[in-house]
Amino acid sequence: MKRTGITRPVDELGRVVIPKELRDEYDWGEHDMVEIFTDSDNIILHKYQKECVFCKGIDGLQFFKGKLTCKHCRIEMP
């Protein structure tokens, strides 16, 4: 995990603003869905994807280097 040095308060409704610099870096748009994971005492946010970033397939989806890829595309990777 990489420390950014950015802090944000949690508001009265439990919301946290994700800084524009991070949204731009990870290509998160205004209406993108975010998937929430937990790991021990960490909350992890991922841009929600329901299809392979390369072929739009849905067979055997897994994250590969932070991108959701299907089984077929992972086999074809060098």
PDB file of N, CA and C in Angstrom:
ATOM      1  N   MET A   1       0.841  -1.168   0.000  1.00  0.00           N
ATOM      2  CA  MET A   1       0.000   0.000   0.000  1.00  0.00           C
ATOM      3  C   MET A   1       0.892   1.239   0.000  1.00  0.00           C
ATOM      4  N   LYS A   2       0.531   2.221  -0.820  1.00  0.00           N
ATOM      5  CA  LYS A   2       1.323   3.440  -0.944  1.00  0.00           C
ATOM      6  C   LYS A   2       0.645   4.584  -0.188  1.00  0.00           C
ATOM      7  N   ARG A   3       1.388   5.257   0.653  1.00  0.00           N
ATOM      8  CA  ARG A   3       0.863   6.407   1.405  1.00  0.00           C
ATOM      9  C   ARG A   3       0.862   7.634   0.494  1.00  0.00           C
ATOM     10  N   THR A   4      -0.275   8.362   0.461  1.00  0.00           N
ATOM     11  CA  THR A   4      -0.375   9.549  -0.387  1.00  0.00           C
ATOM     12  C   THR A   4      -0.107  10.836   0.364  1.00  0.00           C
ATOM     13  N   GLY A   5      -0.288  10.817   1.685  1.00  0.00           N
ATOM     14  CA  GLY A   5      -0.139  12.041   2.462  1.00  0.00           C
ATOM     15  C   GLY A   5      -1.391  12.901   2.439  1.00  0.00           C
ATOM     16  N   ILE A   6      -2.425  12.440   1.747  1.00  0.00           N
ATOM     17  CA  ILE A   6      -3.680  13.186   1.648  1.00  0.00           C
ATOM     18  C   ILE A   6      -4.610  12.708   2.755  1.00  0.00           C
ATOM     19  N   THR A   7      -5.229  13.648   3.458  1.00  0.00           N
ATOM     20  CA  THR A   7      -6.226  13.298   4.464  1.00  0.00           C
ATOM     21  C   THR A   7      -7.521  14.031   4.150  1.00  0.00           C
ATOM     22  N   ARG A   8      -8.623  13.415   4.511  1.00  0.00           N
ATOM     23  CA  ARG A   8      -9.938  14.018   4.327  1.00  0.00           C
ATOM     24  C   ARG A   8     -10.792  13.664   5.540  1.00  0.00           C
ATOM     25  N   PRO A   9     -11.651  14.597   5.983  1.00  0.00           N
ATOM     26  CA  PRO A   9     -12.538  14.284   7.107  1.00  0.00           C
ATOM     27  C   PRO A   9     -13.743  13.462   6.649  1.00  0.00           C
ATOM     28  N   VAL A  10     -14.289  12.706   7.568  1.00  0.00           N
ATOM     29  CA  VAL A  10     -15.559  12.021   7.338  1.00  0.00           C
ATOM     30  C   VAL A  10     -16.651  12.991   7.768  1.00  0.00           C
ATOM     31  N   ASP A  11     -17.647  13.261   6.877  1.00  0.00           N
ATOM     32  CA  ASP A  11     -18.690  14.229   7.252  1.00  0.00           C
ATOM     33  C   ASP A  11     -19.772  13.560   8.098  1.00  0.00           C
ATOM     34  N   GLU A  12     -20.786  14.332   8.478  1.00  0.00           N
ATOM     35  CA  GLU A  12     -21.826  13.839   9.391  1.00  0.00           C
ATOM     36  C   GLU A  12     -22.648  12.698   8.807  1.00  0.00           C
ATOM     37  N   LEU A  13     -22.617  12.525   7.483  1.00  0.00           N
ATOM     38  CA  LEU A  13     -23.333  11.416   6.841  1.00  0.00           C
ATOM     39  C   LEU A  13     -22.415  10.238   6.529  1.00  0.00           C
ATOM     40  N   GLY A  14     -21.159  10.317   6.973  1.00  0.00           N
ATOM     41  CA  GLY A  14     -20.219   9.219   6.755  1.00  0.00           C
ATOM     42  C   GLY A  14     -19.523   9.269   5.410  1.00  0.00           C
ATOM     43  N   ARG A  15     -19.608  10.386   4.698  1.00  0.00           N
ATOM     44  CA  ARG A  15     -19.004  10.505   3.369  1.00  0.00           C
ATOM     45  C   ARG A  15     -17.575  11.032   3.460  1.00  0.00           C
ATOM     46  N   VAL A  16     -16.772  10.593   2.492  1.00  0.00           N
ATOM     47  CA  VAL A  16     -15.398  11.069   2.350  1.00  0.00           C
ATOM     48  C   VAL A  16     -15.222  11.466   0.888  1.00  0.00           C
ATOM     49  N   VAL A  17     -14.669  12.634   0.639  1.00  0.00           N
ATOM     50  CA  VAL A  17     -14.411  13.085  -0.725  1.00  0.00           C
ATOM     51  C   VAL A  17     -13.089  12.504  -1.203  1.00  0.00           C
ATOM     52  N   ILE A  18     -13.119  11.860  -2.356  1.00  0.00           N
ATOM     53  CA  ILE A  18     -11.888  11.337  -2.958  1.00  0.00           C
ATOM     54  C   ILE A  18     -11.276  12.475  -3.773  1.00  0.00           C
ATOM     55  N   PRO A  19     -10.047  12.866  -3.467  1.00  0.00           N
ATOM     56  CA  PRO A  19      -9.435  14.018  -4.140  1.00  0.00           C
ATOM     57  C   PRO A  19      -9.384  13.859  -5.662  1.00  0.00           C
ATOM     58  N   LYS A  20      -9.550  14.979  -6.352  1.00  0.00           N
ATOM     59  CA  LYS A  20      -9.552  14.994  -7.816  1.00  0.00           C
ATOM     60  C   LYS A  20      -8.279  14.390  -8.387  1.00  0.00           C
ATOM     61  N   GLU A  21      -7.139  14.651  -7.754  1.00  0.00           N
ATOM     62  CA  GLU A  21      -5.869  14.108  -8.249  1.00  0.00           C
ATOM     63  C   GLU A  21      -5.911  12.580  -8.298  1.00  0.00           C
ATOM     64  N   LEU A  22      -6.496  11.961  -7.284  1.00  0.00           N
ATOM     65  CA  LEU A  22      -6.595  10.499  -7.257  1.00  0.00           C
ATOM     66  C   LEU A  22      -7.643   9.994  -8.238  1.00  0.00           C
ATOM     67  N   ARG A  23      -8.774  10.707  -8.340  1.00  0.00           N
ATOM     68  CA  ARG A  23      -9.800  10.301  -9.320  1.00  0.00           C
ATOM     69  C   ARG A  23      -9.243  10.362 -10.727  1.00  0.00           C
ATOM     70  N   ASP A  24      -8.469  11.391 -11.027  1.00  0.00           N
ATOM     71  CA  ASP A  24      -7.855  11.507 -12.359  1.00  0.00           C
ATOM     72  C   ASP A  24      -6.819  10.403 -12.590  1.00  0.00           C
ATOM     73  N   GLU A  25      -5.984  10.148 -11.590  1.00  0.00           N
ATOM     74  CA  GLU A  25      -4.936   9.138 -11.719  1.00  0.00           C
ATOM     75  C   GLU A  25      -5.511   7.751 -11.990  1.00  0.00           C
ATOM     76  N   TYR A  26      -6.650   7.441 -11.366  1.00  0.00           N
ATOM     77  CA  TYR A  26      -7.254   6.112 -11.511  1.00  0.00           C
ATOM     78  C   TYR A  26      -8.441   6.094 -12.468  1.00  0.00           C
ATOM     79  N   ASP A  27      -8.656   7.201 -13.192  1.00  0.00           N
ATOM     80  CA  ASP A  27      -9.696   7.300 -14.207  1.00  0.00           C
ATOM     81  C   ASP A  27     -11.088   7.018 -13.627  1.00  0.00           C
ATOM     82  N   TRP A  28     -11.404   7.654 -12.501  1.00  0.00           N
ATOM     83  CA  TRP A  28     -12.723   7.528 -11.898  1.00  0.00           C
ATOM     84  C   TRP A  28     -13.547   8.733 -12.313  1.00  0.00           C
ATOM     85  N   GLY A  29     -14.665   8.473 -13.011  1.00  0.00           N
ATOM     86  CA  GLY A  29     -15.541   9.545 -13.455  1.00  0.00           C
ATOM     87  C   GLY A  29     -16.650   9.821 -12.460  1.00  0.00           C
ATOM     88  N   GLU A  30     -17.406  10.858 -12.741  1.00  0.00           N
ATOM     89  CA  GLU A  30     -18.444  11.341 -11.833  1.00  0.00           C
ATOM     90  C   GLU A  30     -19.512  10.290 -11.516  1.00  0.00           C
ATOM     91  N   HIS A  31     -19.873   9.453 -12.464  1.00  0.00           N
ATOM     92  CA  HIS A  31     -20.947   8.482 -12.231  1.00  0.00           C
ATOM     93  C   HIS A  31     -20.446   7.046 -12.157  1.00  0.00           C
ATOM     94  N   ASP A  32     -19.140   6.856 -12.054  1.00  0.00           N
ATOM     95  CA  ASP A  32     -18.587   5.509 -11.918  1.00  0.00           C
ATOM     96  C   ASP A  32     -18.998   4.893 -10.588  1.00  0.00           C
ATOM     97  N   MET A  33     -19.195   3.589 -10.613  1.00  0.00           N
ATOM     98  CA  MET A  33     -19.519   2.858  -9.386  1.00  0.00           C
ATOM     99  C   MET A  33     -18.220   2.445  -8.710  1.00  0.00           C
ATOM    100  N   VAL A  34     -18.243   2.410  -7.388  1.00  0.00           N
ATOM    101  CA  VAL A  34     -17.079   2.024  -6.600  1.00  0.00           C
ATOM    102  C   VAL A  34     -17.450   0.778  -5.795  1.00  0.00           C
ATOM    103  N   GLU A  35     -16.583  -0.232  -5.852  1.00  0.00           N
ATOM    104  CA  GLU A  35     -16.788  -1.440  -5.069  1.00  0.00           C
ATOM    105  C   GLU A  35     -15.941  -1.339  -3.805  1.00  0.00           C
ATOM    106  N   ILE A  36     -16.504  -1.754  -2.684  1.00  0.00           N
ATOM    107  CA  ILE A  36     -15.850  -1.596  -1.382  1.00  0.00           C
ATOM    108  C   ILE A  36     -15.462  -2.965  -0.838  1.00  0.00           C
ATOM    109  N   PHE A  37     -14.182  -3.100  -0.478  1.00  0.00           N
ATOM    110  CA  PHE A  37     -13.650  -4.323   0.115  1.00  0.00           C
ATOM    111  C   PHE A  37     -13.087  -3.979   1.487  1.00  0.00           C
ATOM    112  N   THR A  38     -12.970  -4.981   2.339  1.00  0.00           N
ATOM    113  CA  THR A  38     -12.288  -4.790   3.614  1.00  0.00           C
ATOM    114  C   THR A  38     -11.209  -5.846   3.757  1.00  0.00           C
ATOM    115  N   ASP A  39     -10.156  -5.476   4.443  1.00  0.00           N
ATOM    116  CA  ASP A  39      -9.042  -6.380   4.717  1.00  0.00           C
ATOM    117  C   ASP A  39      -8.505  -6.011   6.090  1.00  0.00           C
ATOM    118  N   SER A  40      -8.828  -6.831   7.068  1.00  0.00           N
ATOM    119  CA  SER A  40      -8.417  -6.554   8.439  1.00  0.00           C
ATOM    120  C   SER A  40      -9.001  -5.205   8.863  1.00  0.00           C
ATOM    121  N   ASP A  41      -8.164  -4.202   9.102  1.00  0.00           N
ATOM    122  CA  ASP A  41      -8.670  -2.895   9.516  1.00  0.00           C
ATOM    123  C   ASP A  41      -8.592  -1.857   8.390  1.00  0.00           C
ATOM    124  N   ASN A  42      -8.531  -2.315   7.133  1.00  0.00           N
ATOM    125  CA  ASN A  42      -8.448  -1.420   5.974  1.00  0.00           C
ATOM    126  C   ASN A  42      -9.734  -1.458   5.156  1.00  0.00           C
ATOM    127  N   ILE A  43     -10.085  -0.337   4.571  1.00  0.00           N
ATOM    128  CA  ILE A  43     -11.174  -0.252   3.608  1.00  0.00           C
ATOM    129  C   ILE A  43     -10.518   0.005   2.257  1.00  0.00           C
ATOM    130  N   ILE A  44     -10.855  -0.807   1.267  1.00  0.00           N
ATOM    131  CA  ILE A  44     -10.234  -0.725  -0.047  1.00  0.00           C
ATOM    132  C   ILE A  44     -11.307  -0.397  -1.075  1.00  0.00           C
ATOM    133  N   LEU A  45     -11.071   0.613  -1.893  1.00  0.00           N
ATOM    134  CA  LEU A  45     -12.011   1.015  -2.933  1.00  0.00           C
ATOM    135  C   LEU A  45     -11.470   0.613  -4.297  1.00  0.00           C
ATOM    136  N   HIS A  46     -12.329   0.024  -5.120  1.00  0.00           N
ATOM    137  CA  HIS A  46     -11.983  -0.314  -6.499  1.00  0.00           C
ATOM    138  C   HIS A  46     -13.060   0.260  -7.399  1.00  0.00           C
ATOM    139  N   LYS A  47     -12.647   0.780  -8.540  1.00  0.00           N
ATOM    140  CA  LYS A  47     -13.627   1.177  -9.540  1.00  0.00           C
ATOM    141  C   LYS A  47     -14.345  -0.097  -9.968  1.00  0.00           C
ATOM    142  N   TYR A  48     -15.660  -0.105  -9.884  1.00  0.00           N
ATOM    143  CA  TYR A  48     -16.430  -1.303 -10.189  1.00  0.00           C
ATOM    144  C   TYR A  48     -16.408  -1.575 -11.685  1.00  0.00           C
ATOM    145  N   GLN A  49     -16.054  -2.783 -12.024  1.00  0.00           N
ATOM    146  CA  GLN A  49     -16.063  -3.230 -13.416  1.00  0.00           C
ATOM    147  C   GLN A  49     -16.738  -4.579 -13.448  1.00  0.00           C
ATOM    148  N   LYS A  50     -17.552  -4.800 -14.432  1.00  0.00           N
ATOM    149  CA  LYS A  50     -18.220  -6.085 -14.545  1.00  0.00           C
ATOM    150  C   LYS A  50     -17.794  -6.829 -15.801  1.00  0.00           C
ATOM    151  N   GLU A  51     -16.749  -6.325 -16.467  1.00  0.00           N
ATOM    152  CA  GLU A  51     -16.297  -6.949 -17.704  1.00  0.00           C
ATOM    153  C   GLU A  51     -14.805  -6.738 -17.880  1.00  0.00           C
ATOM    154  N   CYS A  52     -14.200  -7.557 -18.715  1.00  0.00           N
ATOM    155  CA  CYS A  52     -12.773  -7.475 -19.013  1.00  0.00           C
ATOM    156  C   CYS A  52     -12.444  -6.124 -19.651  1.00  0.00           C
ATOM    157  N   VAL A  53     -11.361  -5.495 -19.222  1.00  0.00           N
ATOM    158  CA  VAL A  53     -10.974  -4.191 -19.765  1.00  0.00           C
ATOM    159  C   VAL A  53     -10.509  -4.295 -21.216  1.00  0.00           C
ATOM    160  N   PHE A  54     -10.143  -5.491 -21.665  1.00  0.00           N
ATOM    161  CA  PHE A  54      -9.637  -5.658 -23.028  1.00  0.00           C
ATOM    162  C   PHE A  54     -10.730  -6.052 -24.020  1.00  0.00           C
ATOM    163  N   CYS A  55     -11.485  -7.117 -23.707  1.00  0.00           N
ATOM    164  CA  CYS A  55     -12.433  -7.659 -24.686  1.00  0.00           C
ATOM    165  C   CYS A  55     -13.890  -7.530 -24.261  1.00  0.00           C
ATOM    166  N   LYS A  56     -14.133  -7.011 -23.068  1.00  0.00           N
ATOM    167  CA  LYS A  56     -15.481  -6.864 -22.502  1.00  0.00           C
ATOM    168  C   LYS A  56     -16.125  -8.205 -22.152  1.00  0.00           C
ATOM    169  N   GLY A  57     -15.339  -9.290 -22.150  1.00  0.00           N
ATOM    170  CA  GLY A  57     -15.846 -10.600 -21.763  1.00  0.00           C
ATOM    171  C   GLY A  57     -16.077 -10.692 -20.271  1.00  0.00           C
ATOM    172  N   ILE A  58     -16.783 -11.750 -19.848  1.00  0.00           N
ATOM    173  CA  ILE A  58     -17.090 -11.908 -18.429  1.00  0.00           C
ATOM    174  C   ILE A  58     -16.659 -13.269 -17.884  1.00  0.00           C
ATOM    175  N   ASP A  59     -15.996 -14.093 -18.697  1.00  0.00           N
ATOM    176  CA  ASP A  59     -15.612 -15.441 -18.288  1.00  0.00           C
ATOM    177  C   ASP A  59     -14.360 -15.435 -17.413  1.00  0.00           C
ATOM    178  N   GLY A  60     -14.477 -15.890 -16.174  1.00  0.00           N
ATOM    179  CA  GLY A  60     -13.326 -16.029 -15.284  1.00  0.00           C
ATOM    180  C   GLY A  60     -12.661 -14.719 -14.926  1.00  0.00           C
ATOM    181  N   LEU A  61     -13.441 -13.709 -14.599  1.00  0.00           N
ATOM    182  CA  LEU A  61     -12.885 -12.386 -14.290  1.00  0.00           C
ATOM    183  C   LEU A  61     -12.037 -12.412 -13.027  1.00  0.00           C
ATOM    184  N   GLN A  62     -10.857 -11.801 -13.126  1.00  0.00           N
ATOM    185  CA  GLN A  62      -9.951 -11.629 -11.993  1.00  0.00           C
ATOM    186  C   GLN A  62      -9.159 -10.349 -12.206  1.00  0.00           C
ATOM    187  N   PHE A  63      -8.676  -9.789 -11.090  1.00  0.00           N
ATOM    188  CA  PHE A  63      -7.822  -8.611 -11.203  1.00  0.00           C
ATOM    189  C   PHE A  63      -6.409  -9.041 -11.556  1.00  0.00           C
ATOM    190  N   PHE A  64      -5.819  -8.370 -12.543  1.00  0.00           N
ATOM    191  CA  PHE A  64      -4.424  -8.572 -12.933  1.00  0.00           C
ATOM    192  C   PHE A  64      -3.786  -7.200 -12.988  1.00  0.00           C
ATOM    193  N   LYS A  65      -2.861  -6.938 -12.065  1.00  0.00           N
ATOM    194  CA  LYS A  65      -2.193  -5.635 -11.958  1.00  0.00           C
ATOM    195  C   LYS A  65      -3.210  -4.494 -11.878  1.00  0.00           C
ATOM    196  N   GLY A  66      -4.247  -4.706 -11.066  1.00  0.00           N
ATOM    197  CA  GLY A  66      -5.229  -3.665 -10.814  1.00  0.00           C
ATOM    198  C   GLY A  66      -6.318  -3.524 -11.857  1.00  0.00           C
ATOM    199  N   LYS A  67      -6.302  -4.345 -12.900  1.00  0.00           N
ATOM    200  CA  LYS A  67      -7.311  -4.270 -13.960  1.00  0.00           C
ATOM    201  C   LYS A  67      -8.077  -5.577 -14.022  1.00  0.00           C
ATOM    202  N   LEU A  68      -9.384  -5.500 -14.235  1.00  0.00           N
ATOM    203  CA  LEU A  68     -10.210  -6.690 -14.319  1.00  0.00           C
ATOM    204  C   LEU A  68     -10.043  -7.313 -15.703  1.00  0.00           C
ATOM    205  N   THR A  69      -9.606  -8.548 -15.721  1.00  0.00           N
ATOM    206  CA  THR A  69      -9.351  -9.240 -16.992  1.00  0.00           C
ATOM    207  C   THR A  69     -10.034 -10.599 -16.983  1.00  0.00           C
ATOM    208  N   CYS A  70     -10.381 -11.075 -18.180  1.00  0.00           N
ATOM    209  CA  CYS A  70     -11.013 -12.385 -18.294  1.00  0.00           C
ATOM    210  C   CYS A  70      -9.941 -13.461 -18.456  1.00  0.00           C
ATOM    211  N   LYS A  71     -10.365 -14.699 -18.286  1.00  0.00           N
ATOM    212  CA  LYS A  71      -9.463 -15.846 -18.380  1.00  0.00           C
ATOM    213  C   LYS A  71      -8.778 -15.894 -19.747  1.00  0.00           C
ATOM    214  N   HIS A  72      -9.534 -15.656 -20.808  1.00  0.00           N
ATOM    215  CA  HIS A  72      -8.985 -15.728 -22.176  1.00  0.00           C
ATOM    216  C   HIS A  72      -7.877 -14.685 -22.390  1.00  0.00           C
ATOM    217  N   CYS A  73      -8.098 -13.461 -21.974  1.00  0.00           N
ATOM    218  CA  CYS A  73      -7.096 -12.408 -22.175  1.00  0.00           C
ATOM    219  C   CYS A  73      -5.841 -12.647 -21.325  1.00  0.00           C
ATOM    220  N   ARG A  74      -6.011 -13.180 -20.102  1.00  0.00           N
ATOM    221  CA  ARG A  74      -4.849 -13.481 -19.279  1.00  0.00           C
ATOM    222  C   ARG A  74      -3.972 -14.553 -19.915  1.00  0.00           C
ATOM    223  N   ILE A  75      -4.592 -15.529 -20.566  1.00  0.00           N
ATOM    224  CA  ILE A  75      -3.836 -16.576 -21.253  1.00  0.00           C
ATOM    225  C   ILE A  75      -3.034 -15.990 -22.406  1.00  0.00           C
ATOM    226  N   GLU A  76      -3.595 -15.003 -23.092  1.00  0.00           N
ATOM    227  CA  GLU A  76      -2.926 -14.390 -24.246  1.00  0.00           C
ATOM    228  C   GLU A  76      -1.837 -13.398 -23.884  1.00  0.00           C
ATOM    229  N   MET A  77      -1.782 -12.976 -22.617  1.00  0.00           N
ATOM    230  CA  MET A  77      -0.773 -11.979 -22.209  1.00  0.00           C
ATOM    231  C   MET A  77       0.617 -12.584 -22.281  1.00  0.00           C
ATOM    232  N   PRO A  78       1.603 -11.772 -22.733  1.00  0.00           N
ATOM    233  CA  PRO A  78       2.978 -12.278 -22.812  1.00  0.00           C
ATOM    234  C   PRO A  78       3.586 -12.501 -21.449  1.00  0.00           C
TER     235      PRO A  78
END
